Amino acid sequence: MKIIVLLLMLLVPSLSFVQASSPQAVSPQLATQQVTSPQIEKLNNLDNDISELYNESKNMTGTARDVVRLQLLNKNDALREMIQDLIDERTDETHGILLKQVNQQVEFIADASKYLLNKIAMTEKVLEQETNEGKLSAQKSLDESRRFSTRLLADQWTNYQWLKLLDQSAPAKEKALIGDIERRLGFMSASLTFDNQQEALLSKQLKSATEGEKTAIQLEHIIAQRKVNNDITTLQFLVTLADKMSLDTTQYKQQLFEATGTLTDELLNVDLILSIVSTWGEGAGEWLANNAPELLFKLLIFVAIILAFRWLKKLTRKMVKRAVSSPNLQLSRLIQDFFTSMSGNVVFAVGLLIALSQVGVDLTPILTGFGVAGLVIGFALQDTLSNFASGMMLLIYRPFDEGDFVEAGGVSGKVAHMSLVNTTIKTFDNQVIIVPNSKIWGDIIKNITHERVRRVDMVFGIGYSDDIALAETVLADIVLSHALVLKNPETMIKLHTLNTSSVDFIVRPWVKTEDYWDVYWDITREVKIRFDKEGLSIPFPQQDVHLHMVDKAAE
């Protein structure tokens, strides 16, 4: 709304010439030429409306006057459209009328331009004296004035083209207008360059500013952004107008492309593309000429550091592997592999960071990025990280190691491989099962082969009629004569349970862990053979059924 009010303020005083083109002034001429076409009548009506609205606005104030002045602007735009239509279909009868109207438009725009230039100069002075809070409003008013001033230049150029079509060219005025356009192009180009630099500088200051400084810098940054946006808009309009004048605008189009990053249809031409490519080529060549020796030296330093730390990584792994493999430490295979792998990776990571810092790379954003990436990956891979954490707990507490026979995660078998994420178990029937570490750590873990010796628990039963002493002697002879049974700890043979069908003995010899099943199977076989030989029975479950007969006659 402000721009409309501004246009009204500067246009209405300049519309005084419209009275001269009112129906009372034009009608005699029309009567003399006897022109009665509908287009001319419409033109006369627009003149009459403009004259009446102008007279009404003199006695009005406030919003009502603004509304009437807005109507004046719309009427003048309609008048220009009518002039364009009549010029396109001009005849000898309308020539004089059109020539007069166009000259009036030329005078009107010249007066409006002078007024607007004064207005811009005054606003610029006010802007310099305003506080930061008042600068936003003043800058907006200045931007609107500049945009409308540029629009007037386009209208004036159209007026001069109309005069050419009406055989009344104004070469001196055209030349002056072209010179004005060229000056404005240069000014807006320089203004865009300067404002871009200011905006970039304020943007950097804003990032490092304290909380107390941010408010003032943010306001200045907003003003700078508005200046840049207005410079781009105005320069784009001037470039379009200059193209109509056949002026060379290649450098300005290139500047717009660099400022906006957008290659529009208006900017897309062969000269511009060649200019952009040429500029990039020159910039790249100049950059290489200035930085190639330093860049090559940094590259050599980078490669040398990487190679050195790669060798150091291998050396570190060998040393750590030798250290963690020491029998005195008694570390599990998993923790040995973990320390060996991590030591080498840490050394290489440190070397990579040192190499990057030597070539001028700022490590702060990289480390920050790693932190942010870690959070994102952590949320995305919660289950995997849970397995990883469980793997760390297995690594620290070492409930089992590779080669152990375990019952864990609902699976029984030999541990074939362990990692920080999962454990591979090979079952007794040679199936390979991969169990997540979180499932293992969250369940009961039974390590069958953790100890060097195990007790073999067996139960043998004899009949109630058999000789208990003989059975004890036979069992003791079988167990103690087995070569794989350990003498210490001592074997236990005891009468344990008077069962429903048998008298049960428990037989519990101690053996080496690896001999468990051999002893179990050997003793079981030998017991059956010796019991048969000694006449000792191995009773099967028995149950007595008592039948009570009832005489039907008694019932």
Protein backbone atom coordinates (compact mmCIF):
# COMPACT_ATOMS: atom_id res chain seq x y z
CA MET A 1 0.00 0.00 0.00
CA LYS A 2 2.89 2.35 0.69
CA ILE A 3 4.13 2.17 -2.88
CA ILE A 4 0.63 3.08 -4.15
CA VAL A 5 0.47 6.10 -1.87
CA LEU A 6 3.97 7.14 -2.96
CA LEU A 7 3.02 6.88 -6.63
CA LEU A 8 -0.07 8.94 -6.03
CA MET A 9 1.90 11.66 -4.24
CA LEU A 10 4.36 12.08 -7.08
CA LEU A 11 1.99 11.51 -10.02
CA VAL A 12 -1.01 13.61 -9.15
CA PRO A 13 0.84 16.96 -9.09
CA SER A 14 2.21 16.07 -12.51
CA LEU A 15 -1.21 15.33 -13.93
CA SER A 16 -2.17 18.99 -14.21
CA PHE A 17 -1.50 18.81 -17.92
CA VAL A 18 -4.51 16.46 -18.23
CA GLN A 19 -6.84 19.44 -18.01
CA ALA A 20 -5.42 20.61 -21.29
CA SER A 21 -6.51 17.35 -22.86
CA SER A 22 -10.03 17.39 -21.42
CA PRO A 23 -13.00 16.98 -23.77
CA GLN A 24 -13.50 20.75 -23.92
CA ALA A 25 -9.97 21.15 -25.31
CA VAL A 26 -9.94 18.16 -27.62
CA SER A 27 -13.48 18.18 -28.87
CA PRO A 28 -13.09 21.26 -31.14
CA GLN A 29 -10.13 19.60 -32.82
CA LEU A 30 -12.08 16.39 -33.18
CA ALA A 31 -15.00 18.30 -34.58
CA THR A 32 -12.74 19.97 -37.11
CA GLN A 33 -11.34 16.58 -38.18
CA GLN A 34 -14.81 14.97 -37.90
CA VAL A 35 -13.42 11.90 -36.17
CA THR A 36 -16.19 9.87 -34.56
CA SER A 37 -14.67 6.38 -34.21
CA PRO A 38 -15.50 4.43 -31.00
CA GLN A 39 -11.80 4.33 -30.02
CA ILE A 40 -11.55 8.11 -30.12
CA GLU A 41 -14.73 8.45 -28.12
CA LYS A 42 -13.30 6.10 -25.51
CA LEU A 43 -10.08 8.12 -25.47
CA ASN A 44 -12.10 11.30 -24.92
CA ASN A 45 -14.01 9.64 -22.09
CA LEU A 46 -10.75 8.63 -20.37
CA ASP A 47 -9.47 12.20 -20.69
CA ASN A 48 -12.69 13.49 -19.23
CA ASP A 49 -12.58 10.99 -16.33
CA ILE A 50 -8.98 11.89 -15.50
CA SER A 51 -9.83 15.60 -15.49
CA GLU A 52 -12.81 15.10 -13.21
CA LEU A 53 -10.94 12.83 -10.80
CA TYR A 54 -8.06 15.29 -10.62
CA ASN A 55 -10.42 18.15 -9.74
CA GLU A 56 -12.15 16.00 -7.12
CA SER A 57 -8.86 15.03 -5.48
CA LYS A 58 -8.00 18.67 -4.80
CA ASN A 59 -10.81 18.97 -2.24
CA MET A 60 -10.28 15.58 -0.57
CA THR A 61 -8.07 14.43 2.27
CA GLY A 62 -6.98 11.18 3.89
CA THR A 63 -8.14 7.82 2.62
CA ALA A 64 -10.73 9.24 0.23
CA ARG A 65 -8.05 11.25 -1.59
CA ASP A 66 -5.82 8.17 -1.81
CA VAL A 67 -8.67 6.17 -3.34
CA VAL A 68 -9.31 8.85 -5.97
CA ARG A 69 -5.63 9.11 -6.78
CA LEU A 70 -5.44 5.35 -7.21
CA GLN A 71 -8.29 5.65 -9.69
CA LEU A 72 -6.25 8.30 -11.50
CA LEU A 73 -3.34 5.89 -11.85
CA ASN A 74 -5.58 3.16 -13.21
CA LYS A 75 -7.18 5.58 -15.67
CA ASN A 76 -3.76 6.69 -16.90
CA ASP A 77 -2.70 3.06 -17.43
CA ALA A 78 -5.90 2.46 -19.38
CA LEU A 79 -5.18 5.61 -21.37
CA ARG A 80 -1.74 4.30 -22.34
CA GLU A 81 -3.23 0.99 -23.41
CA MET A 82 -5.74 2.86 -25.57
CA ILE A 83 -2.95 4.94 -27.12
CA GLN A 84 -1.05 1.75 -27.95
CA ASP A 85 -4.12 0.24 -29.62
CA LEU A 86 -4.79 3.39 -31.64
CA ILE A 87 -1.15 3.63 -32.75
CA ASP A 88 -1.26 0.03 -33.94
CA GLU A 89 -4.32 0.93 -36.05
CA ARG A 90 -3.43 4.54 -36.71
CA THR A 91 -4.88 6.52 -39.62
CA ASP A 92 -4.38 9.99 -40.96
CA GLU A 93 -7.45 11.10 -39.03
CA THR A 94 -6.09 9.93 -35.65
CA HIS A 95 -2.47 11.01 -36.23
CA GLY A 96 -2.79 14.46 -34.70
CA ILE A 97 -4.74 13.29 -31.69
CA LEU A 98 -2.27 10.50 -30.93
CA LEU A 99 0.73 12.78 -31.36
CA LYS A 100 -0.70 15.17 -28.81
CA GLN A 101 -1.47 12.41 -26.33
CA VAL A 102 2.02 10.88 -26.62
CA ASN A 103 3.71 14.26 -26.11
CA GLN A 104 1.60 14.75 -23.00
CA GLN A 105 2.78 11.35 -21.72
CA VAL A 106 6.40 12.33 -22.43
CA GLU A 107 6.00 15.52 -20.40
CA PHE A 108 4.14 13.70 -17.65
CA ILE A 109 6.84 11.04 -17.21
CA ALA A 110 9.62 13.64 -17.38
CA ASP A 111 7.99 15.62 -14.55
CA ALA A 112 7.31 12.47 -12.54
CA SER A 113 10.91 11.32 -12.98
CA LYS A 114 12.27 14.64 -11.71
CA TYR A 115 9.98 14.50 -8.72
CA LEU A 116 10.95 10.91 -8.01
CA LEU A 117 14.69 11.62 -8.24
CA ASN A 118 14.27 14.38 -5.66
CA LYS A 119 12.25 12.01 -3.51
CA ILE A 120 15.01 9.37 -3.72
CA ALA A 121 17.67 11.92 -2.75
CA MET A 122 15.63 13.05 0.26
CA THR A 123 14.97 9.46 1.37
CA GLU A 124 18.68 8.63 1.14
CA LYS A 125 19.47 11.54 3.47
CA VAL A 126 16.78 10.42 5.90
CA LEU A 127 18.12 6.86 5.77
CA GLU A 128 21.59 8.00 6.84
CA GLN A 129 20.17 9.75 9.91
CA GLU A 130 17.67 7.06 10.94
CA THR A 131 18.20 4.63 13.79
CA ASN A 132 18.43 0.93 13.06
CA GLU A 133 14.71 0.49 13.81
CA GLY A 134 13.71 3.32 11.47
CA LYS A 135 16.00 2.19 8.68
CA LEU A 136 13.73 -0.71 7.73
CA SER A 137 10.84 1.60 6.86
CA ALA A 138 13.10 4.15 5.16
CA GLN A 139 14.87 1.45 3.15
CA LYS A 140 11.55 0.03 1.99
CA SER A 141 10.41 3.48 0.84
CA LEU A 142 13.71 4.00 -0.98
CA ASP A 143 13.49 0.62 -2.71
CA GLU A 144 9.94 1.35 -3.87
CA SER A 145 10.96 4.74 -5.24
CA ARG A 146 13.87 3.25 -7.17
CA ARG A 147 11.75 0.48 -8.64
CA PHE A 148 9.07 2.92 -9.80
CA SER A 149 11.70 5.29 -11.19
CA THR A 150 13.02 2.40 -13.29
CA ARG A 151 9.50 1.62 -14.47
CA LEU A 152 9.09 5.22 -15.62
CA LEU A 153 12.19 4.83 -17.79
CA ALA A 154 10.56 1.90 -19.58
CA ASP A 155 7.38 3.92 -20.13
CA GLN A 156 9.40 6.82 -21.48
CA TRP A 157 11.21 4.53 -23.91
CA THR A 158 7.81 3.31 -25.10
CA ASN A 159 6.76 6.93 -25.59
CA TYR A 160 9.79 7.61 -27.81
CA GLN A 161 8.99 4.52 -29.89
CA TRP A 162 5.45 5.81 -30.31
CA LEU A 163 6.80 9.15 -31.51
CA LYS A 164 8.88 7.34 -34.12
CA LEU A 165 5.78 5.60 -35.41
CA LEU A 166 4.04 8.97 -35.55
CA ASP A 167 6.94 10.45 -37.58
CA GLN A 168 8.14 12.71 -34.76
CA SER A 169 11.29 11.06 -33.44
CA ALA A 170 13.31 12.60 -30.61
CA PRO A 171 16.88 11.35 -31.15
CA ALA A 172 18.41 13.70 -28.58
CA LYS A 173 15.96 12.60 -25.90
CA GLU A 174 16.46 8.94 -26.85
CA LYS A 175 20.21 9.34 -26.59
CA ALA A 176 19.85 10.99 -23.19
CA LEU A 177 17.58 8.17 -22.01
CA ILE A 178 20.02 5.51 -23.26
CA GLY A 179 22.83 7.30 -21.42
CA ASP A 180 20.68 7.37 -18.28
CA ILE A 181 20.03 3.62 -18.61
CA GLU A 182 23.75 2.91 -19.02
CA ARG A 183 24.57 4.99 -15.94
CA ARG A 184 21.91 3.24 -13.90
CA LEU A 185 23.14 -0.16 -15.05
CA GLY A 186 26.64 0.69 -13.87
CA PHE A 187 25.35 2.09 -10.58
CA MET A 188 23.10 -0.91 -9.84
CA SER A 189 25.91 -3.31 -10.76
CA ALA A 190 28.27 -1.62 -8.32
CA SER A 191 25.50 -1.39 -5.72
CA LEU A 192 24.78 -5.13 -6.03
CA THR A 193 28.47 -5.98 -5.64
CA PHE A 194 28.82 -3.77 -2.56
CA ASP A 195 25.58 -4.90 -0.92
CA ASN A 196 26.46 -8.55 -1.56
CA GLN A 197 29.78 -8.06 0.22
CA GLN A 198 28.07 -6.30 3.13
CA GLU A 199 25.47 -9.05 3.44
CA ALA A 200 28.17 -11.76 3.44
CA LEU A 201 30.19 -9.85 6.06
CA LEU A 202 27.17 -9.40 8.33
CA SER A 203 26.31 -13.08 7.90
CA LYS A 204 29.77 -14.06 9.18
CA GLN A 205 29.54 -11.60 12.07
CA LEU A 206 26.15 -13.01 13.01
CA LYS A 207 27.58 -16.52 13.40
CA SER A 208 30.25 -15.41 15.86
CA ALA A 209 28.26 -12.67 17.63
CA THR A 210 27.33 -12.84 21.30
CA GLU A 211 23.70 -12.85 22.40
CA GLY A 212 23.89 -9.15 23.22
CA GLU A 213 25.24 -8.26 19.78
CA LYS A 214 22.93 -10.47 17.74
CA THR A 215 19.86 -8.20 17.80
CA ALA A 216 21.61 -5.22 16.20
CA ILE A 217 23.51 -7.36 13.69
CA GLN A 218 20.35 -9.27 12.72
CA LEU A 219 18.60 -5.99 11.94
CA GLU A 220 21.51 -4.80 9.82
CA HIS A 221 21.60 -8.19 8.09
CA ILE A 222 17.89 -7.95 7.22
CA ILE A 223 18.41 -4.48 5.75
CA ALA A 224 21.39 -5.75 3.74
CA GLN A 225 19.34 -8.68 2.40
CA ARG A 226 16.58 -6.31 1.32
CA LYS A 227 19.12 -4.14 -0.44
CA VAL A 228 20.51 -7.13 -2.32
CA ASN A 229 17.04 -8.32 -3.34
CA ASN A 230 16.07 -4.85 -4.54
CA ASP A 231 19.36 -4.48 -6.43
CA ILE A 232 18.74 -7.78 -8.21
CA THR A 233 15.14 -6.87 -9.11
CA THR A 234 16.11 -3.42 -10.39
CA LEU A 235 19.12 -4.71 -12.33
CA GLN A 236 16.99 -7.42 -13.97
CA PHE A 237 14.46 -4.79 -15.08
CA LEU A 238 17.21 -2.51 -16.42
CA VAL A 239 18.83 -5.41 -18.30
CA THR A 240 15.50 -6.22 -19.97
CA LEU A 241 15.05 -2.56 -20.93
CA ALA A 242 18.65 -2.27 -22.15
CA ASP A 243 18.14 -5.33 -24.38
CA LYS A 244 15.29 -3.48 -26.07
CA MET A 245 17.74 -0.64 -26.72
CA SER A 246 20.26 -3.12 -28.20
CA LEU A 247 22.81 -2.37 -25.47
CA ASP A 248 25.48 -4.90 -24.47
CA THR A 249 24.29 -6.41 -21.17
CA THR A 250 26.44 -9.54 -21.07
CA GLN A 251 28.43 -8.56 -17.99
CA TYR A 252 25.28 -7.59 -16.09
CA LYS A 253 23.56 -10.87 -16.98
CA GLN A 254 26.64 -12.71 -15.79
CA GLN A 255 26.55 -10.79 -12.53
CA LEU A 256 22.87 -11.65 -12.07
CA PHE A 257 23.63 -15.31 -12.70
CA GLU A 258 26.42 -15.25 -10.11
CA ALA A 259 24.19 -13.46 -7.60
CA THR A 260 21.07 -15.60 -8.01
CA GLY A 261 22.47 -18.85 -9.42
CA THR A 262 19.51 -18.93 -11.83
CA LEU A 263 19.95 -18.89 -15.59
CA THR A 264 16.62 -17.57 -16.91
CA ASP A 265 15.47 -17.35 -20.52
CA GLU A 266 16.39 -13.67 -20.58
CA LEU A 267 19.93 -14.47 -19.42
CA LEU A 268 20.36 -17.49 -21.67
CA ASN A 269 22.35 -16.53 -24.73
CA VAL A 270 25.59 -17.58 -26.37
CA ASP A 271 27.58 -14.49 -25.39
CA LEU A 272 26.60 -14.85 -21.74
CA ILE A 273 27.48 -18.54 -21.62
CA LEU A 274 30.83 -17.88 -23.28
CA SER A 275 31.47 -15.04 -20.84
CA ILE A 276 30.66 -17.24 -17.83
CA VAL A 277 32.85 -20.06 -19.11
CA SER A 278 35.63 -17.60 -19.88
CA THR A 279 35.41 -16.07 -16.40
CA TRP A 280 35.48 -19.48 -14.77
CA GLY A 281 38.40 -20.51 -16.93
CA GLU A 282 40.35 -17.37 -16.09
CA GLY A 283 39.54 -17.79 -12.40
CA ALA A 284 40.60 -21.42 -12.44
CA GLY A 285 43.80 -20.62 -14.31
CA GLU A 286 44.66 -17.78 -11.97
CA TRP A 287 43.90 -19.94 -8.95
CA LEU A 288 46.11 -22.75 -10.25
CA ALA A 289 48.92 -20.33 -11.04
CA ASN A 290 48.80 -18.89 -7.54
CA ASN A 291 48.11 -22.05 -5.58
CA ALA A 292 49.47 -24.99 -7.62
CA PRO A 293 52.94 -25.12 -5.95
CA GLU A 294 51.47 -24.85 -2.47
CA LEU A 295 48.73 -27.35 -3.32
CA LEU A 296 51.24 -29.84 -4.73
CA PHE A 297 53.41 -29.52 -1.63
CA LYS A 298 50.39 -30.07 0.64
CA LEU A 299 49.36 -33.08 -1.42
CA LEU A 300 52.81 -34.62 -1.01
CA ILE A 301 52.69 -33.97 2.74
CA PHE A 302 49.22 -35.55 2.89
CA VAL A 303 50.30 -38.69 1.03
CA ALA A 304 53.48 -39.00 3.11
CA ILE A 305 51.56 -38.76 6.39
CA ILE A 306 48.97 -41.31 5.23
CA LEU A 307 51.67 -43.78 4.16
CA ALA A 308 53.58 -43.29 7.41
CA PHE A 309 50.54 -43.88 9.58
CA ARG A 310 49.48 -46.84 7.47
CA TRP A 311 52.81 -48.48 8.25
CA LEU A 312 52.47 -47.43 11.88
CA LYS A 313 48.98 -48.96 11.95
CA LYS A 314 50.35 -52.37 10.93
CA LEU A 315 53.19 -52.11 13.43
CA THR A 316 50.79 -51.15 16.23
CA ARG A 317 48.53 -54.10 15.45
CA LYS A 318 51.44 -56.53 15.62
CA MET A 319 52.65 -55.12 18.93
CA VAL A 320 49.19 -55.10 20.50
CA LYS A 321 48.42 -58.61 19.24
CA ARG A 322 51.62 -59.89 20.78
CA ALA A 323 50.84 -58.13 24.06
CA VAL A 324 47.23 -59.31 24.42
CA SER A 325 48.16 -62.87 23.43
CA SER A 326 50.34 -63.24 26.52
CA PRO A 327 49.26 -66.23 28.66
CA ASN A 328 49.60 -64.14 31.78
CA LEU A 329 46.73 -61.86 30.75
CA GLN A 330 44.34 -64.71 29.97
CA LEU A 331 42.26 -62.54 27.64
CA SER A 332 39.49 -64.01 25.53
CA ARG A 333 39.88 -64.30 21.77
CA LEU A 334 37.20 -61.66 21.27
CA ILE A 335 38.90 -59.07 23.44
CA GLN A 336 42.23 -59.84 21.79
CA ASP A 337 40.76 -59.24 18.33
CA PHE A 338 38.99 -56.12 19.58
CA PHE A 339 42.11 -54.50 21.02
CA THR A 340 44.17 -55.47 17.96
CA SER A 341 41.66 -54.02 15.51
CA MET A 342 40.89 -50.88 17.52
CA SER A 343 44.53 -50.00 18.12
CA GLY A 344 45.29 -50.01 14.40
CA ASN A 345 42.14 -48.08 13.49
CA VAL A 346 42.74 -45.42 16.14
CA VAL A 347 46.31 -44.87 14.96
CA PHE A 348 45.18 -44.54 11.34
CA ALA A 349 42.30 -42.19 12.28
CA VAL A 350 44.73 -39.91 14.14
CA GLY A 351 47.02 -39.96 11.12
CA LEU A 352 44.14 -39.04 8.79
CA LEU A 353 43.15 -36.08 10.97
CA ILE A 354 46.76 -34.88 11.11
CA ALA A 355 47.04 -35.20 7.32
CA LEU A 356 43.82 -33.23 6.76
CA SER A 357 44.94 -30.47 9.12
CA GLN A 358 48.22 -30.17 7.22
CA VAL A 359 46.40 -29.42 3.95
CA GLY A 360 44.35 -26.68 5.58
CA VAL A 361 41.12 -28.54 6.34
CA ASP A 362 39.29 -27.21 9.40
CA LEU A 363 38.73 -30.21 11.65
CA THR A 364 36.07 -28.58 13.84
CA PRO A 365 33.16 -29.03 11.37
CA ILE A 366 34.33 -32.58 10.65
CA LEU A 367 34.38 -33.55 14.32
CA THR A 368 31.04 -31.82 14.85
CA GLY A 369 29.65 -33.68 11.86
CA PHE A 370 30.84 -36.96 13.32
CA GLY A 371 29.00 -36.15 16.53
CA VAL A 372 25.76 -35.30 14.74
CA ALA A 373 26.11 -38.35 12.49
CA GLY A 374 26.66 -40.48 15.57
CA LEU A 375 23.38 -39.30 17.08
CA VAL A 376 21.47 -39.92 13.85
CA ILE A 377 23.00 -43.36 13.37
CA GLY A 378 22.37 -44.17 17.02
CA PHE A 379 18.64 -43.51 16.68
CA ALA A 380 18.46 -45.36 13.35
CA LEU A 381 20.40 -48.43 14.54
CA GLN A 382 19.13 -48.90 18.07
CA ASP A 383 18.89 -52.69 17.78
CA THR A 384 22.36 -52.97 16.28
CA LEU A 385 23.81 -50.75 19.00
CA SER A 386 22.05 -52.89 21.59
CA ASN A 387 23.84 -55.92 20.16
CA PHE A 388 27.08 -53.93 20.17
CA ALA A 389 26.63 -52.99 23.83
CA SER A 390 25.87 -56.60 24.69
CA GLY A 391 29.00 -57.63 22.79
CA MET A 392 31.01 -55.21 24.92
CA MET A 393 29.56 -56.76 28.08
CA LEU A 394 30.44 -60.25 26.83
CA LEU A 395 33.91 -58.94 26.04
CA ILE A 396 34.37 -57.50 29.53
CA TYR A 397 32.86 -60.31 31.64
CA ARG A 398 33.97 -63.19 29.36
CA PRO A 399 31.29 -65.78 30.20
CA PHE A 400 32.58 -67.91 27.30
CA ASP A 401 35.17 -67.89 24.55
CA GLU A 402 35.59 -69.37 21.11
CA GLY A 403 35.75 -73.17 21.30
CA ASP A 404 33.57 -73.43 24.42
CA PHE A 405 30.41 -75.55 24.49
CA VAL A 406 27.58 -73.37 25.72
CA GLU A 407 23.84 -73.11 26.15
CA ALA A 408 22.99 -69.48 25.39
CA GLY A 409 20.14 -67.64 23.72
CA GLY A 410 18.15 -70.86 23.53
CA VAL A 411 20.90 -72.60 21.51
CA SER A 412 23.34 -75.35 22.52
CA GLY A 413 26.61 -75.97 20.74
CA LYS A 414 30.21 -74.98 20.25
CA VAL A 415 31.13 -71.28 19.94
CA ALA A 416 32.65 -71.02 16.48
CA HIS A 417 33.09 -67.25 16.24
CA MET A 418 32.42 -64.12 18.30
CA SER A 419 32.03 -60.49 17.27
CA LEU A 420 30.74 -57.35 18.95
CA VAL A 421 27.37 -57.78 17.22
CA ASN A 422 26.64 -61.52 17.17
CA THR A 423 27.96 -64.95 18.11
CA THR A 424 28.18 -67.94 15.78
CA ILE A 425 27.36 -71.29 17.43
CA LYS A 426 27.81 -74.67 15.75
CA THR A 427 25.37 -77.22 17.14
CA PHE A 428 26.24 -80.86 17.88
CA ASP A 429 24.55 -81.93 14.65
CA ASN A 430 26.76 -79.46 12.72
CA GLN A 431 24.26 -76.64 12.20
CA VAL A 432 25.58 -73.08 12.21
CA ILE A 433 23.40 -70.64 14.14
CA ILE A 434 24.10 -66.91 14.43
CA VAL A 435 22.68 -65.46 17.65
CA PRO A 436 22.48 -61.67 18.34
CA ASN A 437 24.55 -60.73 21.37
CA SER A 438 21.62 -58.90 22.96
CA LYS A 439 19.65 -62.16 23.07
CA ILE A 440 22.59 -64.01 24.63
CA TRP A 441 23.33 -61.34 27.25
CA GLY A 442 19.65 -61.01 28.15
CA ASP A 443 19.24 -64.76 28.79
CA ILE A 444 20.85 -67.44 30.96
CA ILE A 445 24.33 -68.45 29.79
CA LYS A 446 25.58 -71.94 30.59
CA ASN A 447 29.24 -72.59 29.77
CA ILE A 448 29.62 -76.35 29.75
CA THR A 449 33.35 -76.47 29.03
CA HIS A 450 34.53 -73.47 31.01
CA GLU A 451 36.20 -75.61 33.74
CA ARG A 452 38.98 -78.12 33.05
CA VAL A 453 37.23 -80.98 34.91
CA ARG A 454 33.57 -82.01 35.08
CA ARG A 455 31.52 -84.42 37.13
CA VAL A 456 29.59 -87.10 35.27
CA ASP A 457 26.22 -87.58 36.97
CA MET A 458 24.66 -91.00 36.38
CA VAL A 459 21.85 -92.97 38.05
CA PHE A 460 21.59 -96.78 38.00
CA GLY A 461 18.78 -98.81 39.52
CA ILE A 462 18.58 -102.42 40.81
CA GLY A 463 15.65 -104.48 41.93
CA TYR A 464 14.43 -104.60 45.51
CA SER A 465 15.46 -108.24 45.72
CA ASP A 466 19.03 -107.64 44.56
CA ASP A 467 22.11 -107.45 46.82
CA ILE A 468 22.87 -103.80 47.57
CA ALA A 469 26.46 -104.45 48.71
CA LEU A 470 27.20 -106.39 45.55
CA ALA A 471 25.81 -103.59 43.44
CA GLU A 472 27.99 -101.03 45.23
CA THR A 473 31.07 -103.22 44.71
CA VAL A 474 30.37 -103.71 41.01
CA LEU A 475 29.75 -100.00 40.40
CA ALA A 476 32.93 -99.02 42.27
CA ASP A 477 34.98 -101.55 40.33
CA ILE A 478 33.62 -100.29 36.98
CA VAL A 479 34.23 -96.63 37.74
CA LEU A 480 37.61 -96.89 39.40
CA SER A 481 38.98 -99.20 36.73
CA HIS A 482 38.22 -96.71 33.95
CA ALA A 483 41.43 -95.03 32.80
CA LEU A 484 39.84 -91.63 32.20
CA VAL A 485 38.25 -91.25 35.62
CA LEU A 486 40.20 -88.91 37.89
CA LYS A 487 41.21 -90.04 41.35
CA ASN A 488 40.92 -86.50 42.66
CA PRO A 489 38.25 -85.28 43.23
CA GLU A 490 37.00 -88.53 44.67
CA THR A 491 34.25 -90.50 42.95
CA MET A 492 30.91 -90.67 44.76
CA ILE A 493 28.77 -93.87 44.70
CA LYS A 494 25.75 -93.77 47.03
CA LEU A 495 22.35 -95.37 47.43
CA HIS A 496 20.19 -92.42 46.59
CA THR A 497 16.52 -93.24 46.22
CA LEU A 498 14.11 -96.06 47.03
CA ASN A 499 12.05 -95.60 43.93
CA THR A 500 8.70 -97.11 43.04
CA SER A 501 10.19 -99.87 40.92
CA SER A 502 13.89 -99.79 41.75
CA VAL A 503 16.60 -98.99 44.23
CA ASP A 504 18.63 -96.15 42.66
CA PHE A 505 22.36 -95.51 43.05
CA ILE A 506 24.03 -92.25 42.07
CA VAL A 507 27.41 -92.61 40.40
CA ARG A 508 29.43 -89.38 40.10
CA PRO A 509 33.01 -89.70 38.84
CA TRP A 510 35.17 -86.69 37.95
CA VAL A 511 36.78 -86.49 34.50
CA LYS A 512 38.50 -84.03 32.26
CA THR A 513 36.04 -81.90 30.37
CA GLU A 514 37.03 -83.28 27.00
CA ASP A 515 36.54 -86.88 28.31
CA TYR A 516 32.99 -86.33 29.60
CA TRP A 517 31.01 -88.19 26.96
CA ASP A 518 33.51 -90.99 26.54
CA VAL A 519 33.34 -91.80 30.23
CA TYR A 520 29.56 -91.46 30.29
CA TRP A 521 29.05 -93.86 27.42
CA ASP A 522 31.73 -96.35 28.57
CA ILE A 523 30.43 -96.66 32.12
CA THR A 524 26.81 -96.96 30.99
CA ARG A 525 27.74 -99.84 28.67
CA GLU A 526 29.91 -101.58 31.25
CA VAL A 527 27.22 -101.36 33.95
CA LYS A 528 24.73 -103.19 31.75
CA ILE A 529 27.27 -105.94 30.97
CA ARG A 530 28.42 -106.41 34.60
CA PHE A 531 24.92 -106.32 36.05
CA ASP A 532 23.86 -109.07 33.69
CA LYS A 533 26.97 -111.08 34.60
CA GLU A 534 26.51 -110.64 38.36
CA GLY A 535 22.81 -111.39 38.24
CA LEU A 536 21.75 -107.86 39.18
CA SER A 537 18.51 -106.78 37.55
CA ILE A 538 17.75 -103.44 36.04
CA PRO A 539 14.01 -103.21 36.71
CA PHE A 540 11.57 -101.49 34.44
CA PRO A 541 8.69 -99.49 35.91
CA GLN A 542 6.09 -101.76 37.57
CA GLN A 543 2.61 -101.09 38.86
CA ASP A 544 0.30 -103.38 40.84
CA VAL A 545 -3.38 -103.38 39.88
CA HIS A 546 -5.78 -104.78 42.52
CA LEU A 547 -9.22 -105.97 41.33
CA HIS A 548 -12.12 -106.19 43.77
CA MET A 549 -14.85 -108.60 42.60
CA VAL A 550 -18.45 -107.97 43.66
CA ASP A 551 -21.10 -110.75 43.61
CA LYS A 552 -24.18 -109.66 41.67
CA ALA A 553 -26.43 -111.80 43.80
CA ALA A 554 -25.20 -110.10 46.92
CA GLU A 555 -26.14 -106.79 45.39
